[in-house]
Amino acid sequence: MQHLTKVYIFGGGLYAVCLTEADLSVVVSKGTMGEDEVDELIKLLTRREPLLRGVGTVGVGKRELVDRLSVSRSTVDRGIRELEAAGLLTRSAEGYRRTLFGELLLSEYDRFAATVDTLGGGRTLLADLPPAFDLDPVLLEDATVVTASQYAPHQPVSALCSVLAEARWIQTVFPAVFPQVLNQWLSLCDGEMIRADIVLTEPVVAELVGTHTETLQQFLAQSCLSLHQVDDGPRYGLVIAESEAEATAGVVVMDDRGGARAFMKTDAEAAVSWVRERINDQLMQSTPLAELQSTEP
């Protein structure tokens, strides 16, 4: 049986694809791809994506592609030549089909398109944040974003309190003092909440000691609240609020004056994992506030 070897470039790697009628194997070796080649491949994929998607992985003839895509025969001919030359599709007994290279690129194309769509949903908020802001796009997947406005500046905090009110287990990192949130934590202790791990930055603790002393003492007296202090926390608030049914992740985006600019909430699994990981990192770096209070003169 004759073998035909074709060499493709993908993701900076050189793919030597040993082909029979069934594509026998894929061998990956080291290699690089120039910027011009990458640009041309991206342009080709963007331009010919409907055709590449239309051929599928089994095989289809040109006439069927013309009918399926509602384009001319010359457009199909030209597109097939370009995609075949780039190694994205090949001939099969049934017509034309995607190669493994084409399948992988199309998958990455879809992933990128989904990310663009997700980020687009938070465009207004993201446009006001600095480029180095630590925010993973997964936080915007199926997210509800509540922003502050001139006439309703407390909407983000109210949205956060609504999430907290439904929880029985809470983990949170907070970089600011919001009286509404303080009251919510106390009311949760009188309800059905089992435990809340609360990480506060050093400035927040100083403000609680200076202007909310009575509230702080109430917190320390609650067995369901575990307060921690961290020296250098994030510039945004993080929360995981769990009930028996689900876990919700939340992020409070702060403005330059220490107020809440926006609150994002989502129950997407990847977002919950992202927020939980960062809260746990802060917990590992923190000190229980009760220990710090007991050592003060």
Protein backbone atom coordinates (compact mmCIF):
# COMPACT_ATOMS: atom_id res chain seq x y z
CA MET A 1 0.00 0.00 0.00
CA GLN A 2 1.46 3.36 -0.99
CA HIS A 3 1.87 6.05 1.69
CA LEU A 4 1.77 9.76 0.91
CA THR A 5 3.42 12.06 3.41
CA LYS A 6 2.26 15.67 3.69
CA VAL A 7 3.80 18.22 6.05
CA TYR A 8 1.55 20.82 7.72
CA ILE A 9 2.33 23.56 10.22
CA PHE A 10 0.05 24.12 13.20
CA GLY A 11 0.54 26.00 16.46
CA GLY A 12 4.27 26.43 15.86
CA GLY A 13 4.75 22.67 15.33
CA LEU A 14 5.52 20.76 12.17
CA TYR A 15 3.01 17.98 11.49
CA ALA A 16 4.19 15.23 9.17
CA VAL A 17 0.99 13.42 8.29
CA CYS A 18 1.48 9.96 6.82
CA LEU A 19 -1.58 9.33 4.69
CA THR A 20 -3.23 6.37 3.12
CA GLU A 21 -6.90 6.45 2.29
CA ALA A 22 -7.56 6.36 6.04
CA ASP A 23 -4.83 8.76 7.31
CA LEU A 24 -2.71 6.20 9.11
CA SER A 25 -0.77 8.34 11.57
CA VAL A 26 0.25 11.79 12.72
CA VAL A 27 3.85 12.48 13.69
CA VAL A 28 4.69 15.75 15.41
CA SER A 29 8.18 17.22 15.17
CA LYS A 30 9.70 20.52 16.16
CA GLY A 31 9.29 23.51 13.87
CA THR A 32 8.35 27.15 13.65
CA MET A 33 5.94 29.19 11.60
CA GLY A 34 6.61 32.66 10.31
CA GLU A 35 4.27 35.55 11.07
CA ASP A 36 3.31 35.94 7.42
CA GLU A 37 2.35 32.27 7.21
CA VAL A 38 0.26 32.56 10.37
CA ASP A 39 -1.47 35.68 9.06
CA GLU A 40 -2.25 34.05 5.74
CA LEU A 41 -3.60 30.93 7.42
CA ILE A 42 -5.86 32.98 9.70
CA LYS A 43 -7.15 34.98 6.74
CA LEU A 44 -7.81 31.78 4.81
CA LEU A 45 -9.64 30.18 7.73
CA THR A 46 -11.78 33.28 8.26
CA ARG A 47 -12.59 33.59 4.56
CA ARG A 48 -13.25 29.89 3.90
CA GLU A 49 -14.73 28.87 7.26
CA PRO A 50 -18.23 28.11 5.83
CA LEU A 51 -16.73 25.82 3.21
CA LEU A 52 -14.37 24.10 5.65
CA ARG A 53 -17.27 23.53 8.03
CA GLY A 54 -19.51 22.39 5.22
CA VAL A 55 -17.31 19.55 4.03
CA GLY A 56 -17.50 17.79 7.39
CA THR A 57 -15.34 14.84 8.38
CA VAL A 58 -16.89 12.11 6.24
CA GLY A 59 -16.81 13.56 2.75
CA VAL A 60 -19.05 15.51 0.40
CA GLY A 61 -19.05 16.27 -3.32
CA LYS A 62 -18.74 19.68 -4.93
CA ARG A 63 -22.30 19.70 -6.26
CA GLU A 64 -23.69 19.09 -2.78
CA LEU A 65 -21.48 21.88 -1.39
CA VAL A 66 -22.86 24.30 -3.99
CA ASP A 67 -26.41 23.49 -2.89
CA ARG A 68 -25.61 23.38 0.81
CA LEU A 69 -23.78 26.71 0.91
CA SER A 70 -25.83 28.49 -1.81
CA VAL A 71 -22.70 29.61 -3.65
CA SER A 72 -21.44 29.21 -7.19
CA ARG A 73 -19.46 26.21 -8.45
CA SER A 74 -16.48 28.49 -9.12
CA THR A 75 -16.50 29.66 -5.49
CA VAL A 76 -16.48 26.06 -4.28
CA ASP A 77 -13.70 25.11 -6.72
CA ARG A 78 -11.53 28.04 -5.65
CA GLY A 79 -12.13 27.46 -1.96
CA ILE A 80 -11.34 23.76 -2.18
CA ARG A 81 -8.08 24.47 -4.00
CA GLU A 82 -7.01 26.96 -1.32
CA LEU A 83 -8.01 24.77 1.62
CA GLU A 84 -6.45 21.66 0.08
CA ALA A 85 -3.19 23.51 -0.62
CA ALA A 86 -3.07 24.60 3.03
CA GLY A 87 -3.69 21.06 4.24
CA LEU A 88 -7.08 21.82 5.78
CA LEU A 89 -9.08 19.40 3.64
CA THR A 90 -8.39 16.43 1.43
CA ARG A 91 -10.13 14.17 -1.08
CA SER A 92 -11.87 11.04 0.10
CA ALA A 93 -13.89 8.32 -1.57
CA GLU A 94 -17.05 10.33 -0.78
CA GLY A 95 -15.67 13.66 -2.01
CA TYR A 96 -13.87 16.17 0.21
CA ARG A 97 -13.45 16.15 3.98
CA ARG A 98 -11.52 17.99 6.66
CA THR A 99 -8.07 16.75 7.67
CA LEU A 100 -7.04 16.50 11.30
CA PHE A 101 -5.25 19.81 10.78
CA GLY A 102 -8.45 21.39 9.48
CA GLU A 103 -10.48 19.87 12.31
CA LEU A 104 -8.13 21.26 14.97
CA LEU A 105 -7.98 24.72 13.42
CA LEU A 106 -11.76 24.88 13.08
CA SER A 107 -12.12 23.88 16.72
CA GLU A 108 -9.75 26.67 17.79
CA TYR A 109 -11.60 29.11 15.54
CA ASP A 110 -14.89 28.22 17.28
CA ARG A 111 -13.26 28.57 20.69
CA PHE A 112 -11.96 32.03 19.80
CA ALA A 113 -15.34 33.11 18.40
CA ALA A 114 -17.04 31.99 21.62
CA THR A 115 -14.52 33.98 23.69
CA VAL A 116 -15.12 37.10 21.59
CA ASP A 117 -18.86 36.70 22.09
CA THR A 118 -18.41 36.28 25.85
CA LEU A 119 -16.14 39.32 26.16
CA GLY A 120 -18.52 41.33 24.02
CA GLY A 121 -21.19 40.86 26.68
CA GLY A 122 -19.01 42.76 29.16
CA ARG A 123 -17.67 45.31 26.71
CA THR A 124 -18.93 48.38 28.59
CA LEU A 125 -17.31 47.29 31.85
CA LEU A 126 -14.09 45.94 30.34
CA ALA A 127 -13.50 49.11 28.31
CA ASP A 128 -13.06 51.05 31.56
CA LEU A 129 -10.60 48.63 33.18
CA PRO A 130 -6.80 48.81 32.82
CA PRO A 131 -5.23 46.22 30.49
CA ALA A 132 -3.35 44.54 33.35
CA PHE A 133 -6.56 43.88 35.34
CA ASP A 134 -6.61 40.23 36.43
CA LEU A 135 -9.88 39.00 34.95
CA ASP A 136 -10.40 35.68 33.21
CA PRO A 137 -12.95 35.63 30.34
CA VAL A 138 -14.64 32.61 31.97
CA LEU A 139 -16.13 35.01 34.52
CA LEU A 140 -18.33 36.48 31.80
CA GLU A 141 -19.73 33.15 30.60
CA ASP A 142 -23.50 33.24 31.20
CA ALA A 143 -22.82 36.06 33.66
CA THR A 144 -25.13 38.73 34.98
CA VAL A 145 -23.34 42.09 35.21
CA VAL A 146 -24.84 44.78 37.43
CA THR A 147 -23.22 48.20 37.11
CA ALA A 148 -23.51 51.32 39.23
CA SER A 149 -25.12 54.39 37.74
CA GLN A 150 -25.47 58.01 38.76
CA TYR A 151 -28.98 57.42 40.05
CA ALA A 152 -28.43 53.90 41.43
CA PRO A 153 -24.85 53.78 42.76
CA HIS A 154 -25.57 50.94 45.20
CA GLN A 155 -26.92 48.44 42.68
CA PRO A 156 -23.77 46.26 42.59
CA VAL A 157 -23.68 45.93 46.39
CA SER A 158 -27.41 45.15 46.50
CA ALA A 159 -26.89 42.45 43.86
CA LEU A 160 -24.05 40.98 45.94
CA CYS A 161 -26.24 40.91 49.04
CA SER A 162 -28.95 39.09 47.10
CA VAL A 163 -26.45 36.36 46.24
CA LEU A 164 -25.23 36.13 49.84
CA ALA A 165 -28.79 35.89 51.16
CA GLU A 166 -29.33 32.54 49.42
CA ALA A 167 -26.09 30.93 50.60
CA ARG A 168 -25.30 28.48 53.37
CA TRP A 169 -21.54 28.39 52.79
CA ILE A 170 -19.59 31.50 51.82
CA GLN A 171 -15.98 32.25 50.95
CA THR A 172 -15.09 35.83 50.16
CA VAL A 173 -12.24 38.30 49.83
CA PHE A 174 -13.19 41.89 50.37
CA PRO A 175 -11.13 45.04 49.72
CA ALA A 176 -13.66 47.60 51.04
CA VAL A 177 -16.22 48.21 53.79
CA PHE A 178 -19.85 48.27 52.68
CA PRO A 179 -22.31 48.66 55.62
CA GLN A 180 -24.99 46.82 53.64
CA VAL A 181 -22.71 43.80 53.32
CA LEU A 182 -21.74 43.94 57.01
CA ASN A 183 -25.40 43.83 57.99
CA GLN A 184 -25.98 40.97 55.55
CA TRP A 185 -23.25 38.87 57.15
CA LEU A 186 -24.76 39.39 60.61
CA SER A 187 -28.26 38.53 59.43
CA LEU A 188 -26.96 35.36 57.79
CA CYS A 189 -25.61 34.19 61.16
CA ASP A 190 -29.14 34.51 62.55
CA GLY A 191 -30.46 32.43 59.65
CA GLU A 192 -29.43 29.12 58.12
CA MET A 193 -25.87 29.90 57.07
CA ILE A 194 -23.41 27.28 58.25
CA ARG A 195 -20.07 29.04 57.72
CA ALA A 196 -18.47 32.06 56.09
CA ASP A 197 -14.71 32.46 55.55
CA ILE A 198 -14.10 36.17 55.10
CA VAL A 199 -10.71 37.54 54.04
CA LEU A 200 -10.25 41.26 54.63
CA THR A 201 -7.39 43.45 53.49
CA GLU A 202 -5.40 45.35 56.11
CA PRO A 203 -7.03 48.75 55.26
CA VAL A 204 -10.49 47.19 55.63
CA VAL A 205 -9.60 45.81 59.06
CA ALA A 206 -8.24 49.21 60.08
CA GLU A 207 -11.51 50.84 59.02
CA LEU A 208 -13.54 48.26 60.95
CA VAL A 209 -11.44 48.84 64.06
CA GLY A 210 -11.68 52.62 63.72
CA THR A 211 -15.30 53.21 62.67
CA HIS A 212 -17.18 49.91 63.03
CA THR A 213 -15.77 48.62 66.32
CA GLU A 214 -19.05 47.27 67.65
CA THR A 215 -19.79 45.46 64.39
CA LEU A 216 -16.30 43.97 64.36
CA GLN A 217 -16.76 42.62 67.89
CA GLN A 218 -20.07 41.09 66.82
CA PHE A 219 -18.29 39.39 63.93
CA LEU A 220 -15.59 37.96 66.18
CA ALA A 221 -18.25 36.62 68.55
CA GLN A 222 -20.04 34.70 65.79
CA SER A 223 -19.05 31.04 65.53
CA CYS A 224 -20.20 30.85 61.91
CA LEU A 225 -17.94 33.72 60.79
CA SER A 226 -14.22 33.16 60.34
CA LEU A 227 -12.43 36.44 59.70
CA HIS A 228 -8.94 36.61 58.23
CA GLN A 229 -6.57 39.45 57.41
CA VAL A 230 -4.29 39.58 54.41
CA ASP A 231 -1.67 42.26 53.86
CA ASP A 232 -1.84 42.52 50.09
CA GLY A 233 -5.15 41.38 48.64
CA PRO A 234 -6.66 41.92 45.19
CA ARG A 235 -8.20 45.22 44.16
CA TYR A 236 -11.56 43.57 43.63
CA GLY A 237 -13.95 41.54 45.73
CA LEU A 238 -14.38 37.80 45.29
CA VAL A 239 -17.16 35.58 46.56
CA ILE A 240 -18.28 31.97 46.35
CA ALA A 241 -21.82 31.54 47.66
CA GLU A 242 -23.01 27.94 47.93
CA SER A 243 -26.35 26.37 48.67
CA GLU A 244 -27.31 22.71 48.60
CA ALA A 245 -28.25 23.10 44.94
CA GLU A 246 -25.48 25.20 43.37
CA ALA A 247 -22.42 27.40 43.75
CA THR A 248 -22.34 30.97 42.47
CA ALA A 249 -19.18 32.94 41.79
CA GLY A 250 -19.14 36.70 42.11
CA VAL A 251 -16.65 39.49 41.44
CA VAL A 252 -17.00 43.05 42.72
CA VAL A 253 -15.13 45.52 40.51
CA MET A 254 -14.07 48.60 42.46
CA ASP A 255 -13.83 52.18 41.25
CA ASP A 256 -11.03 54.63 42.00
CA ARG A 257 -12.86 55.99 45.05
CA GLY A 258 -13.31 52.64 46.75
CA GLY A 259 -16.91 52.16 45.67
CA ALA A 260 -18.40 49.23 43.77
CA ARG A 261 -18.38 49.89 40.04
CA ALA A 262 -19.93 46.56 39.06
CA PHE A 263 -20.85 43.11 40.29
CA MET A 264 -20.59 40.03 38.09
CA LYS A 265 -22.19 36.74 39.05
CA THR A 266 -22.24 33.39 37.29
CA ASP A 267 -22.67 29.72 38.14
CA ALA A 268 -20.47 28.55 35.24
CA GLU A 269 -18.23 25.78 36.56
CA ALA A 270 -15.00 27.27 35.14
CA ALA A 271 -15.76 30.66 36.71
CA VAL A 272 -16.54 29.12 40.09
CA SER A 273 -13.23 27.23 39.97
CA TRP A 274 -11.32 30.40 39.01
CA VAL A 275 -12.77 32.43 41.88
CA ARG A 276 -12.46 29.62 44.42
CA GLU A 277 -8.78 29.13 43.57
CA ARG A 278 -8.02 32.81 44.16
CA ILE A 279 -9.94 32.93 47.42
CA ASN A 280 -8.11 29.85 48.67
CA ASP A 281 -4.77 31.46 47.74
CA GLN A 282 -5.71 34.48 49.86
CA LEU A 283 -6.82 32.26 52.75
CA MET A 284 -3.45 30.48 52.66
CA GLN A 285 -1.66 33.84 52.95
CA SER A 286 -3.94 35.25 55.65
CA THR A 287 -3.93 35.29 59.43
CA PRO A 288 -7.09 34.69 61.51
CA LEU A 289 -8.22 38.07 62.77
CA ALA A 290 -8.94 36.68 66.25
CA GLU A 291 -5.23 35.83 66.60
CA LEU A 292 -4.18 39.33 65.61
CA GLN A 293 -6.68 40.93 67.99
CA SER A 294 -5.50 38.77 70.90
CA THR A 295 -1.88 39.89 70.45
CA GLU A 296 -2.65 43.61 70.45
CA PRO A 297 -2.05 45.47 73.71
